[in-house]
Protein backbone atom coordinates (compact mmCIF):
# COMPACT_ATOMS: atom_id res chain seq x y z
CA ARG A 1 -21.65 9.32 31.61
CA LEU A 2 -21.29 10.37 28.02
CA MET A 3 -23.96 13.04 27.48
CA PHE A 4 -26.04 13.35 24.30
CA PRO A 5 -27.92 16.66 23.92
CA ILE A 6 -31.46 16.13 22.60
CA HIS A 7 -33.11 18.90 20.55
CA ASP A 8 -36.68 19.39 19.40
CA HIS A 9 -37.60 19.80 15.72
CA GLN A 10 -36.77 23.52 15.91
CA GLY A 11 -33.27 22.81 17.20
CA LYS A 12 -33.96 23.90 20.79
CA LEU A 13 -32.19 21.93 23.52
CA VAL A 14 -34.86 20.10 25.53
CA ALA A 15 -33.19 17.10 27.21
CA PHE A 16 -30.12 14.90 27.62
CA GLY A 17 -29.37 11.21 27.25
CA GLY A 18 -26.57 9.81 29.40
CA ARG A 19 -24.70 6.63 28.47
CA THR A 20 -22.67 5.05 31.25
CA LEU A 21 -18.91 4.78 30.82
CA GLY A 22 -18.73 2.27 33.66
CA GLU A 23 -20.71 -0.77 34.77
CA ASP A 24 -23.82 0.96 36.11
CA ASP A 25 -27.05 -1.06 36.15
CA ALA A 26 -28.75 1.59 34.01
CA LYS A 27 -26.89 1.71 30.69
CA TYR A 28 -28.79 4.84 29.64
CA ILE A 29 -30.46 7.51 31.74
CA ASN A 30 -32.53 10.13 29.90
CA SER A 31 -34.06 13.38 31.11
CA ALA A 32 -37.49 12.98 32.66
CA GLU A 33 -40.58 14.15 30.78
CA GLY A 34 -41.53 17.74 31.51
CA PRO A 35 -42.91 20.95 30.00
CA LEU A 36 -40.12 21.04 27.37
CA TYR A 37 -39.50 17.36 26.72
CA HIS A 38 -42.08 14.88 25.44
CA LYS A 39 -40.12 11.90 24.18
CA SER A 40 -43.05 10.60 22.12
CA SER A 41 -42.82 13.65 19.86
CA VAL A 42 -39.01 14.12 19.70
CA LEU A 43 -36.63 12.40 17.28
CA TYR A 44 -32.92 12.43 18.06
CA GLY A 45 -30.91 14.09 15.30
CA PHE A 46 -33.94 15.49 13.50
CA HIS A 47 -32.93 19.13 13.47
CA GLN A 48 -29.55 18.19 11.91
CA ALA A 49 -31.18 15.82 9.42
CA LYS A 50 -34.16 17.97 8.46
CA GLU A 51 -32.76 19.51 5.26
CA ALA A 52 -31.34 16.19 4.02
CA ILE A 53 -34.74 14.57 4.64
CA ARG A 54 -36.52 17.37 2.79
CA GLU A 55 -34.16 17.07 -0.20
CA SER A 56 -34.23 13.27 -0.48
CA LYS A 57 -37.87 12.79 0.58
CA LYS A 58 -36.55 9.82 2.56
CA VAL A 59 -35.68 9.33 6.23
CA VAL A 60 -33.75 6.48 7.83
CA ILE A 61 -34.96 5.43 11.29
CA VAL A 62 -32.43 3.78 13.61
CA GLU A 63 -32.60 2.82 17.28
CA GLY A 64 -29.99 4.79 19.18
CA TYR A 65 -27.71 7.81 19.48
CA PHE A 66 -24.61 5.92 18.33
CA ASP A 67 -26.50 4.58 15.30
CA VAL A 68 -27.39 8.12 14.21
CA LEU A 69 -23.76 9.20 14.58
CA ALA A 70 -22.54 6.12 12.68
CA CYS A 71 -24.81 6.86 9.71
CA MET A 72 -23.85 10.54 9.60
CA ARG A 73 -20.19 9.57 9.87
CA VAL A 74 -20.43 7.60 6.61
CA GLY A 75 -22.30 10.41 4.84
CA VAL A 76 -25.93 9.39 5.36
CA MET A 77 -27.41 12.58 6.81
CA ASN A 78 -31.16 11.91 6.59
CA VAL A 79 -31.22 9.77 9.74
CA VAL A 80 -33.07 9.99 13.09
CA ALA A 81 -33.72 7.85 16.16
CA ALA A 82 -36.58 7.55 18.63
CA CYS A 83 -35.45 8.79 22.05
CA GLY A 84 -35.43 5.63 24.13
CA THR A 85 -39.02 4.75 23.32
CA ALA A 86 -41.10 2.95 20.69
CA PHE A 87 -41.79 4.86 17.49
CA THR A 88 -45.01 6.89 17.84
CA GLN A 89 -47.77 8.37 15.72
CA GLU A 90 -46.62 11.88 16.69
CA GLN A 91 -43.17 11.13 15.32
CA ALA A 92 -44.69 9.71 12.12
CA LYS A 93 -46.75 12.87 11.63
CA LEU A 94 -43.62 14.99 12.01
CA LEU A 95 -41.69 12.95 9.45
CA LYS A 96 -44.61 12.99 7.01
CA ARG A 97 -44.19 16.75 6.65
CA TYR A 98 -40.72 16.22 5.16
CA ALA A 99 -40.49 12.66 3.81
CA GLU A 100 -42.48 10.39 1.51
CA THR A 101 -40.59 7.22 2.46
CA VAL A 102 -39.38 5.88 5.81
CA ILE A 103 -36.47 3.41 5.73
CA LEU A 104 -36.37 1.17 8.80
CA CYS A 105 -32.87 0.20 9.93
CA LEU A 106 -33.47 -1.23 13.37
CA ASP A 107 -31.56 -3.87 15.32
CA GLN A 108 -31.59 -7.33 13.73
CA ASP A 109 -32.75 -9.08 16.92
CA THR A 110 -36.31 -10.09 17.84
CA ALA A 111 -37.04 -6.81 19.65
CA GLY A 112 -35.81 -4.85 16.63
CA LYS A 113 -38.03 -6.83 14.28
CA GLN A 114 -41.05 -6.25 16.51
CA ALA A 115 -40.24 -2.53 16.63
CA ALA A 116 -39.98 -2.46 12.83
CA GLU A 117 -43.43 -4.04 12.44
CA ARG A 118 -44.95 -1.53 14.85
CA ALA A 119 -43.33 1.36 12.96
CA TYR A 120 -44.64 -0.07 9.68
CA HIS A 121 -48.23 -0.04 10.95
CA ILE A 122 -47.92 3.51 12.32
CA CYS A 123 -46.33 4.94 9.16
CA SER A 124 -48.75 3.12 6.84
CA ALA A 125 -51.66 4.63 8.76
CA GLU A 126 -50.17 8.06 7.96
CA GLY A 127 -49.87 7.19 4.25
CA VAL A 128 -46.07 7.09 4.31
CA HIS A 129 -44.22 4.47 2.23
CA VAL A 130 -42.27 2.07 4.45
CA HIS A 131 -39.04 0.47 3.26
CA ALA A 132 -36.44 -1.49 5.21
CA VAL A 133 -32.86 -2.68 4.99
CA VAL A 134 -31.04 -5.69 6.41
CA LEU A 135 -27.59 -5.34 7.95
CA GLU A 136 -25.06 -8.13 8.37
CA GLU A 137 -24.14 -6.79 11.81
CA LYS A 138 -26.44 -6.09 14.77
CA ASP A 139 -26.90 -2.37 14.08
CA PRO A 140 -25.52 0.60 12.06
CA ASP A 141 -22.90 1.39 14.73
CA GLU A 142 -21.29 -2.07 14.49
CA THR A 143 -21.60 -2.06 10.69
CA ALA A 144 -19.89 1.34 10.41
CA ALA A 145 -17.04 0.11 12.59
CA LYS A 146 -16.43 -2.96 10.39
CA ASN A 147 -17.41 -1.76 6.92
CA PRO A 148 -18.42 1.93 6.57
CA LYS A 149 -18.74 1.72 2.76
CA LEU A 150 -21.18 -1.18 3.08
CA LEU A 151 -23.33 0.76 5.56
CA LYS A 152 -23.58 3.73 3.19
CA LYS A 153 -24.36 1.48 0.20
CA THR A 154 -27.00 -0.45 2.16
CA LEU A 155 -28.79 2.68 3.38
CA THR A 156 -28.70 4.55 0.07
CA LYS A 157 -29.18 1.79 -2.52
CA GLN A 158 -30.49 -1.42 -0.95
CA ASP A 159 -33.76 -0.49 0.74
CA VAL A 160 -36.83 -2.46 -0.35
CA PRO A 161 -40.52 -2.16 0.57
CA TYR A 162 -41.02 -3.54 4.09
CA VAL A 163 -43.76 -5.99 3.03
CA ASP A 164 -41.50 -7.38 0.28
CA LEU A 165 -38.72 -7.92 2.82
CA VAL A 166 -41.04 -9.87 5.12
CA LEU A 167 -42.23 -11.94 2.16
CA GLN A 168 -38.64 -12.72 1.14
CA THR A 169 -37.96 -13.95 4.68
CA LEU A 170 -41.06 -16.16 4.65
CA GLN A 171 -40.15 -17.61 1.24
CA LYS A 172 -36.88 -18.88 2.73
CA GLY A 173 -38.82 -20.91 5.30
CA ASP A 174 -38.95 -24.68 4.89
CA ASP A 175 -42.54 -25.22 5.94
CA VAL A 176 -44.67 -23.03 3.66
CA GLY A 177 -46.24 -26.09 2.03
CA SER A 178 -47.76 -27.50 5.22
CA VAL A 179 -51.01 -26.40 6.83
CA GLU A 180 -49.13 -25.17 9.89
CA GLY A 181 -46.68 -23.27 7.68
CA LYS A 182 -49.51 -21.60 5.75
CA ARG A 183 -51.13 -20.57 9.03
CA THR A 184 -47.84 -19.02 10.18
CA VAL A 185 -47.59 -17.04 6.93
CA LEU A 186 -51.17 -15.83 7.33
CA LYS A 187 -50.53 -14.81 10.94
CA THR A 188 -47.59 -12.71 9.76
CA MET A 189 -49.01 -11.28 6.55
CA LEU A 190 -52.68 -10.52 7.28
CA PRO A 191 -51.90 -7.63 9.68
CA LEU A 192 -49.44 -6.18 7.14
CA LEU A 193 -51.93 -6.47 4.28
CA ASP A 194 -54.62 -4.90 6.44
CA SER A 195 -52.41 -1.85 7.09
CA LEU A 196 -51.76 -1.11 3.41
CA PRO A 197 -53.34 2.30 2.75
CA THR A 198 -54.68 1.68 -0.79
CA ALA A 199 -56.70 -1.01 -2.56
CA VAL A 200 -54.14 -1.09 -5.39
CA GLU A 201 -51.33 -1.96 -2.98
CA GLN A 202 -53.50 -4.58 -1.29
CA SER A 203 -54.30 -6.17 -4.65
CA HIS A 204 -50.59 -6.22 -5.56
CA TYR A 205 -49.60 -8.03 -2.38
CA LEU A 206 -52.65 -10.30 -2.28
CA ALA A 207 -51.38 -11.80 -5.55
CA LYS A 208 -47.88 -12.27 -4.13
CA VAL A 209 -49.02 -13.86 -0.87
CA ALA A 210 -51.55 -16.09 -2.65
CA GLY A 211 -48.73 -17.30 -4.91
CA LEU A 212 -46.53 -18.07 -1.91
CA LEU A 213 -49.34 -20.02 -0.22
CA GLY A 214 -50.45 -21.80 -3.38
CA THR A 215 -54.01 -20.55 -2.97
CA THR A 216 -56.40 -18.20 -4.75
CA GLU A 217 -56.60 -14.47 -4.23
CA THR A 218 -60.31 -14.91 -3.51
CA ALA A 219 -59.63 -17.27 -0.59
CA LEU A 220 -56.90 -14.98 0.75
CA LYS A 221 -59.15 -11.94 0.45
CA GLU A 222 -61.82 -13.75 2.46
CA ASP A 223 -59.29 -14.45 5.24
CA LEU A 224 -58.27 -10.79 5.15
CA GLU A 225 -61.89 -9.64 5.46
CA ASN A 226 -62.41 -12.04 8.39
CA TYR A 227 -59.23 -10.70 10.01
């Protein structure tokens, strides 16, 4: 297996991740939890990225070890990954000490999109701004292999607020005008609106979502209160 050393936020070695070089059933095997290693509070690459995060006030979150290496290889140093687990509140609290904005760059598949939404809710609860980017390839590793300049440009210049990105995706749908389509939009957007940390932000997005649905902000606000 190819071994990835995992360090805590102080740079102390606490665990390893092992990626098979053969055809083993388990693609990755990580160190077990113990006195030194609590994967819910550790972010891979954090101790190398810490100063870049502090300087930029931004941190890019990716899914895996190779994604972190791919980003750093193209010059994006403020990047970390969750260690084989879903993003947690403990990790969000750690990042909040150094960054004002989290940029989600997770896999473009269904699981990645679900992970991004979960991370959005957790970071919003901590008062951290949540942005996101969209890659043409599956993940940063594949993008770096095909077009390293594009990966760097995407991560440094093309991030947008996460809620805006979801809205843009919904606007491209064909069925927003129907009752069923409006219900789908509400099912997607109400949880996101509910997680916004300030009334000003909620008001801003209530207007946008009401415009998309062709309804009034008053009606949308009532649905949000019922939610």
